[in-house]
Amino acid sequence: MSLLGRLLKNRRAGETHMAWNLPNLQGPDQLTLTSQEFGDGDPLSLKHCAKQIRGDDLSPELTWSALPPGTAQLLLVVEDIDVPMSKPAVHCVALIDPATGHLEPGALAARQPGPGVRILRSTIGRGYHGPAPVKGHGPHRYVFELFALAAPVADISGTTPVDRARPRAFLPTVSAPVLGRGRLTGVYER
């Protein structure tokens, strides 16, 4: 076990500051988000982890249940809620055309996103960034949160393009009503 991991063992961001808990992203929990690659609460495979720990940084396949009528856009947020910081680390933010239906493996890549996927900034950069928790810190939960929005996301205050905004500045400004939402949690530990 790494010394740093042991020292930070009890320090975790927690769920309080997740996108899921933002007042503007509240809505009925009626979407079911699944993956053929892992079940809710199951471990993520190394291929979905960051390259720095010898993973492939490949975003997992994701499928969701029928969307509520009137869904104009989907918002996907992936957060590590066990990072030893005051707020969860945002590993990916994407806007998805509801006609897409599902995401193939690798569809959240920054350079070549899948059809109907628009990649936004995350805490780490652009695109999907897989798990790379501090060695010895214990299990980290990576929460994939999907929101069905009644209108497309607009630029922040009409001035900052949504593509350039940091996630903690952007997420609280989403003003479209959430028609439905769902989440799926994968776990990884080093």
Protein backbone atom coordinates (compact mmCIF):
# COMPACT_ATOMS: atom_id res chain seq x y z
CA MET A 1 0.00 0.00 0.00
CA SER A 2 1.32 3.41 -0.93
CA LEU A 3 2.12 5.89 1.84
CA LEU A 4 0.16 8.65 0.09
CA GLY A 5 -2.86 6.39 -0.25
CA ARG A 6 -2.72 5.53 3.46
CA LEU A 7 -2.38 9.20 4.44
CA LEU A 8 -5.41 10.16 2.33
CA LYS A 9 -7.46 7.05 3.17
CA ASN A 10 -10.27 8.96 4.93
CA ARG A 11 -10.32 11.97 2.62
CA ARG A 12 -12.99 11.63 -0.10
CA ALA A 13 -15.09 14.11 -2.06
CA GLY A 14 -18.36 12.27 -1.48
CA GLU A 15 -21.72 12.70 -3.18
CA THR A 16 -22.70 16.16 -1.92
CA HIS A 17 -21.17 18.12 -4.82
CA MET A 18 -22.00 15.66 -7.61
CA ALA A 19 -23.79 16.92 -10.71
CA TRP A 20 -26.58 14.53 -9.64
CA ASN A 21 -27.27 16.68 -6.58
CA LEU A 22 -27.26 20.10 -8.26
CA PRO A 23 -30.68 21.77 -7.86
CA ASN A 24 -30.97 22.51 -11.60
CA LEU A 25 -30.32 18.86 -12.55
CA GLN A 26 -33.10 17.37 -10.45
CA GLY A 27 -35.74 15.32 -12.24
CA PRO A 28 -37.48 11.95 -12.20
CA ASP A 29 -35.10 9.00 -11.82
CA GLN A 30 -36.76 7.17 -14.69
CA LEU A 31 -33.84 6.35 -16.99
CA THR A 32 -32.01 3.08 -16.68
CA LEU A 33 -28.35 3.40 -17.68
CA THR A 34 -26.53 0.11 -18.33
CA SER A 35 -23.34 -1.25 -19.85
CA GLN A 36 -22.48 -4.67 -21.24
CA GLU A 37 -19.02 -4.15 -19.74
CA PHE A 38 -19.95 -3.78 -16.04
CA GLY A 39 -22.98 -3.81 -13.78
CA ASP A 40 -23.94 -1.16 -11.26
CA GLY A 41 -21.38 -1.29 -8.44
CA ASP A 42 -19.11 -3.72 -10.32
CA PRO A 43 -15.40 -3.22 -11.05
CA LEU A 44 -14.30 -1.45 -14.24
CA SER A 45 -11.79 -3.37 -16.33
CA LEU A 46 -8.28 -2.07 -16.93
CA LYS A 47 -9.15 -1.21 -20.56
CA HIS A 48 -11.42 1.57 -19.21
CA CYS A 49 -8.65 2.96 -16.97
CA ALA A 50 -6.14 5.72 -17.70
CA LYS A 51 -3.06 5.04 -19.79
CA GLN A 52 -0.83 6.18 -16.91
CA ILE A 53 -1.76 2.99 -15.06
CA ARG A 54 -1.48 0.86 -18.24
CA GLY A 55 -5.14 1.08 -19.21
CA ASP A 56 -6.50 1.89 -22.67
CA ASP A 57 -8.56 4.96 -21.63
CA LEU A 58 -11.46 3.46 -23.58
CA SER A 59 -14.89 4.75 -22.57
CA PRO A 60 -17.30 1.88 -21.94
CA GLU A 61 -20.34 1.00 -24.02
CA LEU A 62 -23.44 2.65 -22.53
CA THR A 63 -27.12 2.00 -23.23
CA TRP A 64 -30.17 3.71 -21.78
CA SER A 65 -33.85 2.97 -21.54
CA ALA A 66 -36.51 4.78 -23.58
CA LEU A 67 -36.18 8.55 -23.27
CA PRO A 68 -39.04 10.72 -22.01
CA PRO A 69 -41.10 12.42 -24.75
CA GLY A 70 -39.72 15.86 -25.55
CA THR A 71 -36.07 15.00 -24.90
CA ALA A 72 -34.03 17.47 -26.97
CA GLN A 73 -30.53 16.61 -25.74
CA LEU A 74 -28.74 14.28 -23.34
CA LEU A 75 -26.08 15.40 -20.88
CA LEU A 76 -23.59 12.79 -19.67
CA VAL A 77 -21.31 13.48 -16.71
CA VAL A 78 -18.74 11.00 -15.34
CA GLU A 79 -17.40 11.76 -11.85
CA ASP A 80 -14.97 10.14 -9.39
CA ILE A 81 -16.71 10.76 -6.07
CA ASP A 82 -13.90 9.22 -3.99
CA VAL A 83 -11.07 11.48 -5.14
CA PRO A 84 -9.24 13.00 -2.11
CA MET A 85 -10.43 16.54 -2.87
CA SER A 86 -13.31 18.73 -1.70
CA LYS A 87 -15.39 18.01 -4.83
CA PRO A 88 -15.63 15.04 -7.19
CA ALA A 89 -13.28 14.97 -10.17
CA VAL A 90 -15.18 15.26 -13.44
CA HIS A 91 -13.75 12.63 -15.81
CA CYS A 92 -15.99 13.43 -18.79
CA VAL A 93 -18.79 15.74 -19.89
CA ALA A 94 -20.64 15.21 -23.17
CA LEU A 95 -23.77 16.36 -24.94
CA ILE A 96 -25.49 13.61 -26.90
CA ASP A 97 -28.10 13.68 -29.63
CA PRO A 98 -31.07 11.66 -28.30
CA ALA A 99 -31.38 9.90 -31.68
CA THR A 100 -28.04 8.21 -30.96
CA GLY A 101 -29.70 5.55 -28.78
CA HIS A 102 -26.50 4.28 -27.15
CA LEU A 103 -22.73 4.80 -27.04
CA GLU A 104 -20.26 2.34 -28.51
CA PRO A 105 -16.96 1.68 -26.68
CA GLY A 106 -14.66 4.66 -27.25
CA ALA A 107 -17.50 7.03 -28.26
CA LEU A 108 -16.35 9.58 -25.66
CA ALA A 109 -12.87 10.02 -27.19
CA ALA A 110 -11.81 13.67 -27.48
CA ARG A 111 -10.33 13.40 -30.97
CA GLN A 112 -12.94 11.17 -32.60
CA PRO A 113 -16.16 11.11 -30.61
CA GLY A 114 -18.95 8.83 -31.69
CA PRO A 115 -21.79 10.02 -33.95
CA GLY A 116 -24.03 12.54 -32.22
CA VAL A 117 -21.55 13.12 -29.36
CA ARG A 118 -20.20 16.58 -28.52
CA ILE A 119 -17.34 16.49 -26.03
CA LEU A 120 -17.01 19.28 -23.45
CA ARG A 121 -14.27 20.08 -20.93
CA SER A 122 -13.77 17.99 -17.82
CA THR A 123 -11.58 18.53 -14.76
CA ILE A 124 -8.77 16.72 -16.56
CA GLY A 125 -9.16 17.88 -20.17
CA ARG A 126 -11.48 16.85 -22.99
CA GLY A 127 -12.99 13.48 -23.66
CA TYR A 128 -13.13 10.41 -21.47
CA HIS A 129 -10.39 10.05 -18.88
CA GLY A 130 -10.44 6.66 -17.20
CA PRO A 131 -9.76 5.83 -13.58
CA ALA A 132 -6.28 6.31 -12.11
CA PRO A 133 -6.88 6.55 -8.36
CA VAL A 134 -4.07 7.05 -5.86
CA LYS A 135 -2.51 3.66 -5.13
CA GLY A 136 -3.60 2.36 -1.74
CA HIS A 137 -6.42 4.90 -1.34
CA GLY A 138 -9.08 2.21 -1.55
CA PRO A 139 -11.95 1.72 -3.99
CA HIS A 140 -13.07 4.69 -6.08
CA ARG A 141 -16.60 4.98 -7.45
CA TYR A 142 -16.96 6.37 -10.98
CA VAL A 143 -20.54 7.54 -11.49
CA PHE A 144 -21.91 7.81 -15.04
CA GLU A 145 -24.86 10.26 -14.83
CA LEU A 146 -27.24 10.73 -17.76
CA PHE A 147 -29.76 13.60 -17.91
CA ALA A 148 -32.54 13.91 -20.52
CA LEU A 149 -32.99 17.64 -21.17
CA ALA A 150 -36.10 19.36 -22.57
CA ALA A 151 -33.98 21.86 -24.54
CA PRO A 152 -30.43 21.99 -25.89
CA VAL A 153 -27.79 23.44 -23.57
CA ALA A 154 -27.03 27.11 -24.20
CA ASP A 155 -23.79 29.02 -23.75
CA ILE A 156 -23.12 30.33 -20.25
CA SER A 157 -24.76 33.76 -19.84
CA GLY A 158 -24.73 33.99 -23.63
CA THR A 159 -21.00 34.78 -23.65
CA THR A 160 -18.86 31.79 -22.72
CA PRO A 161 -19.16 28.98 -25.27
CA VAL A 162 -20.23 25.78 -23.54
CA ASP A 163 -17.26 23.99 -25.18
CA ARG A 164 -14.78 26.22 -23.33
CA ALA A 165 -16.42 26.33 -19.89
CA ARG A 166 -15.03 24.38 -16.96
CA PRO A 167 -17.49 21.76 -15.67
CA ARG A 168 -17.99 23.35 -12.23
CA ALA A 169 -18.87 26.65 -13.96
CA PHE A 170 -20.98 25.03 -16.69
CA LEU A 171 -23.06 22.39 -14.86
CA PRO A 172 -24.90 24.79 -12.49
CA THR A 173 -25.96 26.92 -15.49
CA VAL A 174 -27.85 24.16 -17.32
CA SER A 175 -31.34 25.65 -17.38
CA ALA A 176 -33.28 23.17 -19.52
CA PRO A 177 -35.73 21.13 -17.44
CA VAL A 178 -34.56 17.58 -16.69
CA LEU A 179 -37.23 15.21 -18.01
CA GLY A 180 -35.52 12.10 -16.68
CA ARG A 181 -32.19 10.88 -15.37
CA GLY A 182 -30.30 7.71 -14.55
CA ARG A 183 -26.92 6.66 -13.25
CA LEU A 184 -24.52 3.74 -13.29
CA THR A 185 -21.54 3.28 -10.98
CA GLY A 186 -18.32 1.44 -11.78
CA VAL A 187 -15.59 0.82 -9.20
CA TYR A 188 -11.80 0.72 -9.51
CA GLU A 189 -9.05 0.26 -6.92
CA ARG A 190 -5.25 0.17 -7.15
